[in-house]
Amino acid sequence: MAACAVNRQTDVASGDYVEISNPDYTRYANAPATIWVPKRYVEDGPARGGELLKKVAGEVADGLSRSLKQGAEQVPHQ
């Protein structure tokens, strides 16, 4: 346990972690007001649901378009 504390202090001192407001603070009585998170989470941000849905929807639409195009090419023309 002491080794974890030392590593965390080293990471915090090196700037790898930053302190942010805890989003669970208002939902849970025992939650701390702030938490430490990797700095890259703050800089890059987490994957957002809306962005993920747009990406997936685009990939599905592309796949559907390719399937329809392939199907149309296989239908004999009269």
PDB file of N, CA and C in Angstrom:
ATOM      1  N   MET A   1       0.820  -1.183   0.000  1.00  0.00           N
ATOM      2  CA  MET A   1       0.000   0.000   0.000  1.00  0.00           C
ATOM      3  C   MET A   1       0.872   1.258   0.000  1.00  0.00           C
ATOM      4  N   ALA A   2       1.923   1.258   0.748  1.00  0.00           N
ATOM      5  CA  ALA A   2       2.802   2.426   0.805  1.00  0.00           C
ATOM      6  C   ALA A   2       3.445   2.687  -0.546  1.00  0.00           C
ATOM      7  N   ALA A   3       3.768   1.614  -1.274  1.00  0.00           N
ATOM      8  CA  ALA A   3       4.379   1.787  -2.599  1.00  0.00           C
ATOM      9  C   ALA A   3       3.423   2.494  -3.549  1.00  0.00           C
ATOM     10  N   CYS A   4       2.138   2.164  -3.480  1.00  0.00           N
ATOM     11  CA  CYS A   4       1.138   2.833  -4.324  1.00  0.00           C
ATOM     12  C   CYS A   4       1.075   4.317  -4.002  1.00  0.00           C
ATOM     13  N   ALA A   5       1.122   4.651  -2.724  1.00  0.00           N
ATOM     14  CA  ALA A   5       1.058   6.053  -2.319  1.00  0.00           C
ATOM     15  C   ALA A   5       2.273   6.812  -2.825  1.00  0.00           C
ATOM     16  N   VAL A   6       3.435   6.183  -2.756  1.00  0.00           N
ATOM     17  CA  VAL A   6       4.656   6.844  -3.228  1.00  0.00           C
ATOM     18  C   VAL A   6       4.576   7.055  -4.731  1.00  0.00           C
ATOM     19  N   ASN A   7       4.148   6.038  -5.478  1.00  0.00           N
ATOM     20  CA  ASN A   7       4.026   6.188  -6.927  1.00  0.00           C
ATOM     21  C   ASN A   7       3.029   7.275  -7.294  1.00  0.00           C
ATOM     22  N   ARG A   8       1.913   7.326  -6.604  1.00  0.00           N
ATOM     23  CA  ARG A   8       0.899   8.337  -6.895  1.00  0.00           C
ATOM     24  C   ARG A   8       1.462   9.737  -6.620  1.00  0.00           C
ATOM     25  N   GLN A   9       2.184   9.886  -5.537  1.00  0.00           N
ATOM     26  CA  GLN A   9       2.764  11.192  -5.221  1.00  0.00           C
ATOM     27  C   GLN A   9       3.790  11.586  -6.278  1.00  0.00           C
ATOM     28  N   THR A  10       4.561  10.621  -6.748  1.00  0.00           N
ATOM     29  CA  THR A  10       5.542  10.897  -7.796  1.00  0.00           C
ATOM     30  C   THR A  10       4.840  11.313  -9.079  1.00  0.00           C
ATOM     31  N   ASP A  11       3.775  10.593  -9.447  1.00  0.00           N
ATOM     32  CA  ASP A  11       3.024  10.927 -10.665  1.00  0.00           C
ATOM     33  C   ASP A  11       2.396  12.314 -10.570  1.00  0.00           C
ATOM     34  N   VAL A  12       1.843  12.647  -9.411  1.00  0.00           N
ATOM     35  CA  VAL A  12       1.235  13.957  -9.215  1.00  0.00           C
ATOM     36  C   VAL A  12       2.296  15.043  -9.306  1.00  0.00           C
ATOM     37  N   ALA A  13       3.417  14.817  -8.672  1.00  0.00           N
ATOM     38  CA  ALA A  13       4.497  15.813  -8.686  1.00  0.00           C
ATOM     39  C   ALA A  13       5.069  15.992 -10.091  1.00  0.00           C
ATOM     40  N   SER A  14       5.068  14.931 -10.889  1.00  0.00           N
ATOM     41  CA  SER A  14       5.633  15.020 -12.236  1.00  0.00           C
ATOM     42  C   SER A  14       4.678  15.682 -13.214  1.00  0.00           C
ATOM     43  N   GLY A  15       3.433  15.895 -12.800  1.00  0.00           N
ATOM     44  CA  GLY A  15       2.458  16.535 -13.681  1.00  0.00           C
ATOM     45  C   GLY A  15       1.661  15.562 -14.513  1.00  0.00           C
ATOM     46  N   ASP A  16       1.790  14.246 -14.241  1.00  0.00           N
ATOM     47  CA  ASP A  16       1.037  13.251 -14.990  1.00  0.00           C
ATOM     48  C   ASP A  16      -0.438  13.236 -14.597  1.00  0.00           C
ATOM     49  N   TYR A  17      -0.751  13.740 -13.411  1.00  0.00           N
ATOM     50  CA  TYR A  17      -2.122  13.764 -12.911  1.00  0.00           C
ATOM     51  C   TYR A  17      -2.532  15.191 -12.569  1.00  0.00           C
ATOM     52  N   VAL A  18      -3.824  15.463 -12.672  1.00  0.00           N
ATOM     53  CA  VAL A  18      -4.355  16.774 -12.283  1.00  0.00           C
ATOM     54  C   VAL A  18      -5.569  16.554 -11.389  1.00  0.00           C
ATOM     55  N   GLU A  19      -5.840  17.521 -10.540  1.00  0.00           N
ATOM     56  CA  GLU A  19      -6.980  17.447  -9.634  1.00  0.00           C
ATOM     57  C   GLU A  19      -8.174  18.141 -10.272  1.00  0.00           C
ATOM     58  N   ILE A  20      -9.312  17.451 -10.301  1.00  0.00           N
ATOM     59  CA  ILE A  20     -10.531  18.021 -10.876  1.00  0.00           C
ATOM     60  C   ILE A  20     -11.684  17.872  -9.897  1.00  0.00           C
ATOM     61  N   SER A  21     -12.759  18.601 -10.130  1.00  0.00           N
ATOM     62  CA  SER A  21     -13.972  18.441  -9.325  1.00  0.00           C
ATOM     63  C   SER A  21     -14.543  17.056  -9.579  1.00  0.00           C
ATOM     64  N   ASN A  22     -14.980  16.405  -8.531  1.00  0.00           N
ATOM     65  CA  ASN A  22     -15.528  15.059  -8.626  1.00  0.00           C
ATOM     66  C   ASN A  22     -16.976  15.126  -9.107  1.00  0.00           C
ATOM     67  N   PRO A  23     -17.297  14.522 -10.264  1.00  0.00           N
ATOM     68  CA  PRO A  23     -18.675  14.566 -10.751  1.00  0.00           C
ATOM     69  C   PRO A  23     -19.656  13.824  -9.841  1.00  0.00           C
ATOM     70  N   ASP A  24     -19.168  12.893  -9.032  1.00  0.00           N
ATOM     71  CA  ASP A  24     -20.039  12.143  -8.117  1.00  0.00           C
ATOM     72  C   ASP A  24     -20.246  12.848  -6.785  1.00  0.00           C
ATOM     73  N   TYR A  25     -19.625  13.984  -6.591  1.00  0.00           N
ATOM     74  CA  TYR A  25     -19.675  14.674  -5.306  1.00  0.00           C
ATOM     75  C   TYR A  25     -21.107  14.999  -4.875  1.00  0.00           C
ATOM     76  N   THR A  26     -21.938  15.413  -5.793  1.00  0.00           N
ATOM     77  CA  THR A  26     -23.315  15.780  -5.433  1.00  0.00           C
ATOM     78  C   THR A  26     -24.244  14.571  -5.344  1.00  0.00           C
ATOM     79  N   ARG A  27     -23.828  13.429  -5.888  1.00  0.00           N
ATOM     80  CA  ARG A  27     -24.683  12.243  -5.866  1.00  0.00           C
ATOM     81  C   ARG A  27     -24.458  11.339  -4.658  1.00  0.00           C
ATOM     82  N   TYR A  28     -23.261  11.365  -4.114  1.00  0.00           N
ATOM     83  CA  TYR A  28     -22.929  10.458  -3.011  1.00  0.00           C
ATOM     84  C   TYR A  28     -22.397  11.253  -1.828  1.00  0.00           C
ATOM     85  N   ALA A  29     -22.941  10.990  -0.674  1.00  0.00           N
ATOM     86  CA  ALA A  29     -22.587  11.742   0.532  1.00  0.00           C
ATOM     87  C   ALA A  29     -21.118  11.580   0.922  1.00  0.00           C
ATOM     88  N   ASN A  30     -20.538  10.416   0.671  1.00  0.00           N
ATOM     89  CA  ASN A  30     -19.160  10.161   1.090  1.00  0.00           C
ATOM     90  C   ASN A  30     -18.125  10.426   0.001  1.00  0.00           C
ATOM     91  N   ALA A  31     -18.538  10.904  -1.145  1.00  0.00           N
ATOM     92  CA  ALA A  31     -17.613  11.158  -2.252  1.00  0.00           C
ATOM     93  C   ALA A  31     -16.752  12.379  -1.949  1.00  0.00           C
ATOM     94  N   PRO A  32     -15.462  12.326  -2.297  1.00  0.00           N
ATOM     95  CA  PRO A  32     -14.606  13.501  -2.097  1.00  0.00           C
ATOM     96  C   PRO A  32     -14.980  14.617  -3.075  1.00  0.00           C
ATOM     97  N   ALA A  33     -14.701  15.840  -2.708  1.00  0.00           N
ATOM     98  CA  ALA A  33     -15.045  16.989  -3.556  1.00  0.00           C
ATOM     99  C   ALA A  33     -14.198  17.035  -4.825  1.00  0.00           C
ATOM    100  N   THR A  34     -12.954  16.535  -4.740  1.00  0.00           N
ATOM    101  CA  THR A  34     -12.079  16.519  -5.908  1.00  0.00           C
ATOM    102  C   THR A  34     -11.453  15.143  -6.059  1.00  0.00           C
ATOM    103  N   ILE A  35     -11.006  14.840  -7.275  1.00  0.00           N
ATOM    104  CA  ILE A  35     -10.317  13.580  -7.556  1.00  0.00           C
ATOM    105  C   ILE A  35      -9.113  13.864  -8.446  1.00  0.00           C
ATOM    106  N   TRP A  36      -8.153  12.945  -8.464  1.00  0.00           N
ATOM    107  CA  TRP A  36      -6.981  13.051  -9.323  1.00  0.00           C
ATOM    108  C   TRP A  36      -7.184  12.138 -10.520  1.00  0.00           C
ATOM    109  N   VAL A  37      -6.968  12.661 -11.707  1.00  0.00           N
ATOM    110  CA  VAL A  37      -7.117  11.885 -12.935  1.00  0.00           C
ATOM    111  C   VAL A  37      -5.880  12.092 -13.803  1.00  0.00           C
ATOM    112  N   PRO A  38      -5.575  11.127 -14.696  1.00  0.00           N
ATOM    113  CA  PRO A  38      -4.450  11.331 -15.611  1.00  0.00           C
ATOM    114  C   PRO A  38      -4.661  12.604 -16.441  1.00  0.00           C
ATOM    115  N   LYS A  39      -3.612  13.339 -16.624  1.00  0.00           N
ATOM    116  CA  LYS A  39      -3.685  14.618 -17.339  1.00  0.00           C
ATOM    117  C   LYS A  39      -4.232  14.431 -18.757  1.00  0.00           C
ATOM    118  N   ARG A  40      -3.931  13.302 -19.385  1.00  0.00           N
ATOM    119  CA  ARG A  40      -4.392  13.064 -20.756  1.00  0.00           C
ATOM    120  C   ARG A  40      -5.917  12.998 -20.834  1.00  0.00           C
ATOM    121  N   TYR A  41      -6.593  12.597 -19.735  1.00  0.00           N
ATOM    122  CA  TYR A  41      -8.056  12.578 -19.728  1.00  0.00           C
ATOM    123  C   TYR A  41      -8.612  13.986 -19.880  1.00  0.00           C
ATOM    124  N   VAL A  42      -7.951  14.947 -19.257  1.00  0.00           N
ATOM    125  CA  VAL A  42      -8.412  16.329 -19.304  1.00  0.00           C
ATOM    126  C   VAL A  42      -8.082  16.939 -20.667  1.00  0.00           C
ATOM    127  N   GLU A  43      -6.903  16.609 -21.186  1.00  0.00           N
ATOM    128  CA  GLU A  43      -6.477  17.177 -22.463  1.00  0.00           C
ATOM    129  C   GLU A  43      -7.246  16.581 -23.638  1.00  0.00           C
ATOM    130  N   ASP A  44      -7.383  15.248 -23.670  1.00  0.00           N
ATOM    131  CA  ASP A  44      -8.045  14.570 -24.786  1.00  0.00           C
ATOM    132  C   ASP A  44      -9.539  14.431 -24.568  1.00  0.00           C
ATOM    133  N   GLY A  45      -9.936  14.298 -23.317  1.00  0.00           N
ATOM    134  CA  GLY A  45     -11.340  14.096 -22.990  1.00  0.00           C
ATOM    135  C   GLY A  45     -11.766  12.663 -23.253  1.00  0.00           C
ATOM    136  N   PRO A  46     -12.781  12.243 -22.577  1.00  0.00           N
ATOM    137  CA  PRO A  46     -13.282  10.886 -22.810  1.00  0.00           C
ATOM    138  C   PRO A  46     -14.038  10.815 -24.124  1.00  0.00           C
ATOM    139  N   ALA A  47     -14.210   9.617 -24.626  1.00  0.00           N
ATOM    140  CA  ALA A  47     -15.020   9.435 -25.839  1.00  0.00           C
ATOM    141  C   ALA A  47     -16.438   9.875 -25.524  1.00  0.00           C
ATOM    142  N   ARG A  48     -17.002  10.673 -26.368  1.00  0.00           N
ATOM    143  CA  ARG A  48     -18.352  11.184 -26.138  1.00  0.00           C
ATOM    144  C   ARG A  48     -19.350  10.318 -26.888  1.00  0.00           C
ATOM    145  N   GLY A  49     -20.482  10.060 -26.238  1.00  0.00           N
ATOM    146  CA  GLY A  49     -21.513   9.200 -26.813  1.00  0.00           C
ATOM    147  C   GLY A  49     -22.011   9.681 -28.154  1.00  0.00           C
ATOM    148  N   GLY A  50     -22.262  10.981 -28.290  1.00  0.00           N
ATOM    149  CA  GLY A  50     -22.775  11.530 -29.540  1.00  0.00           C
ATOM    150  C   GLY A  50     -21.793  11.357 -30.682  1.00  0.00           C
ATOM    151  N   GLU A  51     -20.510  11.578 -30.404  1.00  0.00           N
ATOM    152  CA  GLU A  51     -19.490  11.418 -31.436  1.00  0.00           C
ATOM    153  C   GLU A  51     -19.372   9.958 -31.847  1.00  0.00           C
ATOM    154  N   LEU A  52     -19.468   9.061 -30.869  1.00  0.00           N
ATOM    155  CA  LEU A  52     -19.393   7.634 -31.156  1.00  0.00           C
ATOM    156  C   LEU A  52     -20.582   7.199 -32.000  1.00  0.00           C
ATOM    157  N   LEU A  53     -21.770   7.687 -31.665  1.00  0.00           N
ATOM    158  CA  LEU A  53     -22.960   7.336 -32.444  1.00  0.00           C
ATOM    159  C   LEU A  53     -22.859   7.818 -33.881  1.00  0.00           C
ATOM    160  N   LYS A  54     -22.347   9.030 -34.083  1.00  0.00           N
ATOM    161  CA  LYS A  54     -22.184   9.551 -35.445  1.00  0.00           C
ATOM    162  C   LYS A  54     -21.230   8.669 -36.238  1.00  0.00           C
ATOM    163  N   LYS A  55     -20.139   8.260 -35.593  1.00  0.00           N
ATOM    164  CA  LYS A  55     -19.152   7.424 -36.276  1.00  0.00           C
ATOM    165  C   LYS A  55     -19.767   6.082 -36.662  1.00  0.00           C
ATOM    166  N   VAL A  56     -20.454   5.456 -35.729  1.00  0.00           N
ATOM    167  CA  VAL A  56     -21.078   4.159 -35.996  1.00  0.00           C
ATOM    168  C   VAL A  56     -22.159   4.300 -37.067  1.00  0.00           C
ATOM    169  N   ALA A  57     -22.978   5.338 -36.973  1.00  0.00           N
ATOM    170  CA  ALA A  57     -24.035   5.550 -37.964  1.00  0.00           C
ATOM    171  C   ALA A  57     -23.431   5.736 -39.353  1.00  0.00           C
ATOM    172  N   GLY A  58     -22.334   6.459 -39.438  1.00  0.00           N
ATOM    173  CA  GLY A  58     -21.658   6.655 -40.715  1.00  0.00           C
ATOM    174  C   GLY A  58     -21.133   5.351 -41.280  1.00  0.00           C
ATOM    175  N   GLU A  59     -20.560   4.519 -40.411  1.00  0.00           N
ATOM    176  CA  GLU A  59     -20.040   3.232 -40.863  1.00  0.00           C
ATOM    177  C   GLU A  59     -21.177   2.309 -41.305  1.00  0.00           C
ATOM    178  N   VAL A  60     -22.284   2.321 -40.586  1.00  0.00           N
ATOM    179  CA  VAL A  60     -23.442   1.505 -40.970  1.00  0.00           C
ATOM    180  C   VAL A  60     -23.994   1.983 -42.310  1.00  0.00           C
ATOM    181  N   ALA A  61     -24.111   3.289 -42.482  1.00  0.00           N
ATOM    182  CA  ALA A  61     -24.623   3.841 -43.742  1.00  0.00           C
ATOM    183  C   ALA A  61     -23.698   3.485 -44.900  1.00  0.00           C
ATOM    184  N   ASP A  62     -22.390   3.549 -44.684  1.00  0.00           N
ATOM    185  CA  ASP A  62     -21.438   3.180 -45.736  1.00  0.00           C
ATOM    186  C   ASP A  62     -21.572   1.703 -46.098  1.00  0.00           C
ATOM    187  N   GLY A  63     -21.695   0.862 -45.064  1.00  0.00           N
ATOM    188  CA  GLY A  63     -21.851  -0.575 -45.307  1.00  0.00           C
ATOM    189  C   GLY A  63     -23.136  -0.877 -46.047  1.00  0.00           C
ATOM    190  N   LEU A  64     -24.221  -0.216 -45.674  1.00  0.00           N
ATOM    191  CA  LEU A  64     -25.511  -0.407 -46.338  1.00  0.00           C
ATOM    192  C   LEU A  64     -25.426   0.048 -47.789  1.00  0.00           C
ATOM    193  N   SER A  65     -24.793   1.164 -48.007  1.00  0.00           N
ATOM    194  CA  SER A  65     -24.638   1.692 -49.361  1.00  0.00           C
ATOM    195  C   SER A  65     -23.852   0.711 -50.228  1.00  0.00           C
ATOM    196  N   ARG A  66     -22.766   0.165 -49.686  1.00  0.00           N
ATOM    197  CA  ARG A  66     -21.972  -0.814 -50.445  1.00  0.00           C
ATOM    198  C   ARG A  66     -22.791  -2.071 -50.739  1.00  0.00           C
ATOM    199  N   SER A  67     -23.564  -2.532 -49.748  1.00  0.00           N
ATOM    200  CA  SER A  67     -24.394  -3.729 -49.937  1.00  0.00           C
ATOM    201  C   SER A  67     -25.440  -3.500 -51.023  1.00  0.00           C
ATOM    202  N   LEU A  68     -26.088  -2.353 -50.986  1.00  0.00           N
ATOM    203  CA  LEU A  68     -27.102  -2.042 -51.993  1.00  0.00           C
ATOM    204  C   LEU A  68     -26.475  -1.947 -53.375  1.00  0.00           C
ATOM    205  N   LYS A  69     -25.307  -1.346 -53.454  1.00  0.00           N
ATOM    206  CA  LYS A  69     -24.620  -1.202 -54.740  1.00  0.00           C
ATOM    207  C   LYS A  69     -24.232  -2.579 -55.289  1.00  0.00           C
ATOM    208  N   GLN A  70     -23.707  -3.443 -54.413  1.00  0.00           N
ATOM    209  CA  GLN A  70     -23.331  -4.794 -54.851  1.00  0.00           C
ATOM    210  C   GLN A  70     -24.574  -5.586 -55.285  1.00  0.00           C
ATOM    211  N   GLY A  71     -25.662  -5.434 -54.555  1.00  0.00           N
ATOM    212  CA  GLY A  71     -26.904  -6.106 -54.903  1.00  0.00           C
ATOM    213  C   GLY A  71     -27.431  -5.649 -56.248  1.00  0.00           C
ATOM    214  N   ALA A  72     -27.348  -4.347 -56.521  1.00  0.00           N
ATOM    215  CA  ALA A  72     -27.824  -3.800 -57.793  1.00  0.00           C
ATOM    216  C   ALA A  72     -26.961  -4.296 -58.947  1.00  0.00           C
ATOM    217  N   GLU A  73     -25.666  -4.492 -58.705  1.00  0.00           N
ATOM    218  CA  GLU A  73     -24.776  -4.972 -59.750  1.00  0.00           C
ATOM    219  C   GLU A  73     -25.046  -6.431 -60.082  1.00  0.00           C
ATOM    220  N   GLN A  74     -25.591  -7.178 -59.116  1.00  0.00           N
ATOM    221  CA  GLN A  74     -25.826  -8.609 -59.334  1.00  0.00           C
ATOM    222  C   GLN A  74     -27.183  -8.881 -59.979  1.00  0.00           C
ATOM    223  N   VAL A  75     -28.087  -7.927 -59.961  1.00  0.00           N
ATOM    224  CA  VAL A  75     -29.406  -8.106 -60.565  1.00  0.00           C
ATOM    225  C   VAL A  75     -29.265  -7.991 -62.077  1.00  0.00           C
ATOM    226  N   PRO A  76     -29.740  -9.013 -62.818  1.00  0.00           N
ATOM    227  CA  PRO A  76     -29.634  -8.934 -64.288  1.00  0.00           C
ATOM    228  C   PRO A  76     -30.546  -7.817 -64.824  1.00  0.00           C
ATOM    229  N   HIS A  77     -30.007  -7.051 -65.755  1.00  0.00           N
ATOM    230  CA  HIS A  77     -30.777  -5.967 -66.367  1.00  0.00           C
ATOM    231  C   HIS A  77     -31.565  -6.523 -67.548  1.00  0.00           C
ATOM    232  N   GLN A  78     -32.769  -6.051 -67.748  1.00  0.00           N
ATOM    233  CA  GLN A  78     -33.611  -6.535 -68.838  1.00  0.00           C
ATOM    234  C   GLN A  78     -33.666  -5.562 -69.958  1.00  0.00           C
TER     235      GLN A  78
END
